[in-house]
């Protein structure tokens, strides 16, 4: 299974990661099925299985005092600021979360 990811850094040096909601399972399929309607069907089924499960995890983790991230759902428009990543990442839904340099328990 493949998730598209993009790491970003803002002007203050804080880093963020974007991970696609849509999954790309083509590499898990036999070569002769890639690019066929079966590839499309598998992609739809995998992406639809639990695409928003990450919304639930922070609440449960907080309840049992477990370290967790707080992802946000974002939409990336087709915008030139994406530069060389525009064709791969524009017009999609992504999980956005900040990256921490150290974890404190």
Protein backbone atom coordinates (compact mmCIF):
# COMPACT_ATOMS: atom_id res chain seq x y z
CA UNK A 1 0.00 0.00 0.00
CA UNK A 2 1.31 3.43 -0.77
CA UNK A 3 0.36 6.75 0.79
CA UNK A 4 1.66 9.91 -0.83
CA UNK A 5 3.48 12.10 1.67
CA UNK A 6 4.98 15.55 1.46
CA UNK A 7 7.09 17.21 4.16
CA UNK A 8 6.87 21.00 4.42
CA UNK A 9 8.58 23.65 6.51
CA UNK A 10 7.14 27.04 7.41
CA UNK A 11 9.06 30.33 7.82
CA UNK A 12 9.72 29.63 11.51
CA UNK A 13 11.28 26.23 10.80
CA UNK A 14 8.31 24.22 12.04
CA UNK A 15 7.84 21.10 9.95
CA UNK A 16 4.59 19.62 8.72
CA UNK A 17 3.74 16.44 6.89
CA UNK A 18 0.87 15.86 4.48
CA UNK A 19 -0.34 12.29 3.92
CA UNK A 20 -2.91 11.41 1.31
CA UNK A 21 -6.31 10.06 2.31
CA UNK A 22 -6.37 8.12 -0.95
CA UNK A 23 -4.19 5.03 -0.94
CA UNK A 24 -2.39 3.61 -3.96
CA UNK A 25 -2.34 -0.21 -3.83
CA UNK A 26 -1.13 -0.81 -7.40
CA UNK A 27 2.18 -2.32 -6.28
CA UNK A 28 0.25 -4.98 -4.36
CA UNK A 29 -1.51 -6.13 -7.55
CA UNK A 30 -0.11 -8.51 -10.13
CA UNK A 31 1.43 -6.59 -13.03
CA UNK A 32 -1.25 -7.74 -15.49
CA UNK A 33 -4.01 -6.14 -13.33
CA UNK A 34 -2.36 -2.75 -12.89
CA UNK A 35 -4.05 0.04 -14.81
CA UNK A 36 -7.26 -1.98 -15.28
CA UNK A 37 -10.72 -1.54 -13.78
CA UNK A 38 -9.67 -3.98 -11.06
CA UNK A 39 -6.89 -1.58 -10.04
CA UNK A 40 -9.50 1.23 -9.83
CA UNK A 41 -11.87 -0.98 -7.82
CA UNK A 42 -9.19 -2.01 -5.30
CA UNK A 43 -8.04 1.60 -4.90
CA UNK A 44 -11.60 2.75 -4.17
CA UNK A 45 -12.20 -0.05 -1.67
CA UNK A 46 -8.95 0.50 0.22
CA UNK A 47 -9.41 4.27 0.40
CA UNK A 48 -12.99 3.89 1.60
CA UNK A 49 -12.27 1.34 4.34
CA UNK A 50 -11.35 3.71 7.21
CA UNK A 51 -10.23 6.99 5.68
CA UNK A 52 -11.15 9.13 8.69
CA UNK A 53 -10.04 6.83 11.51
CA UNK A 54 -7.35 9.34 12.43
CA UNK A 55 -10.08 11.67 13.74
CA UNK A 56 -10.95 9.15 16.47
CA UNK A 57 -7.46 8.20 17.64
CA UNK A 58 -6.50 11.48 19.41
CA UNK A 59 -9.61 11.39 21.60
CA UNK A 60 -9.05 7.77 22.61
CA UNK A 61 -5.31 8.28 23.14
CA UNK A 62 -5.93 11.35 25.27
CA UNK A 63 -8.39 9.40 27.43
CA UNK A 64 -5.70 6.83 28.33
CA UNK A 65 -2.84 9.34 28.47
CA UNK A 66 -0.98 8.03 25.41
CA UNK A 67 1.23 10.27 23.27
CA UNK A 68 -0.47 11.03 19.95
CA UNK A 69 -0.59 13.41 17.03
CA UNK A 70 -3.49 15.69 16.16
CA UNK A 71 -3.93 15.46 12.39
CA UNK A 72 -6.15 17.92 10.55
CA UNK A 73 -7.99 17.23 7.33
CA UNK A 74 -6.94 19.68 4.59
CA UNK A 75 -7.69 20.19 0.93
CA UNK A 76 -4.85 21.20 -1.40
CA UNK A 77 -6.04 23.23 -4.38
CA UNK A 78 -4.32 23.24 -7.74
CA UNK A 79 -1.89 26.03 -6.87
CA UNK A 80 1.51 26.95 -8.35
CA UNK A 81 3.06 27.28 -4.85
CA UNK A 82 3.25 23.46 -4.83
CA UNK A 83 6.00 23.81 -7.43
CA UNK A 84 7.31 20.51 -8.75
CA UNK A 85 4.76 18.66 -6.59
CA UNK A 86 1.73 20.38 -8.14
CA UNK A 87 0.81 17.57 -10.54
CA UNK A 88 1.11 14.87 -7.85
CA UNK A 89 -0.49 16.63 -4.88
CA UNK A 90 -2.99 19.23 -6.11
CA UNK A 91 -6.75 18.86 -5.73
CA UNK A 92 -6.73 16.23 -3.02
CA UNK A 93 -7.58 15.54 0.61
CA UNK A 94 -4.68 15.09 3.01
CA UNK A 95 -3.96 14.61 6.69
CA UNK A 96 -1.80 17.46 7.93
CA UNK A 97 0.14 17.25 11.16
CA UNK A 98 3.04 19.07 12.69
CA UNK A 99 6.22 17.16 13.37
CA UNK A 100 7.82 17.36 16.78
CA UNK A 101 11.57 17.15 17.24
CA UNK A 102 11.40 15.20 20.50
CA UNK A 103 8.69 13.24 22.24
CA UNK A 104 8.02 13.85 25.92
CA UNK A 105 6.32 11.19 28.00
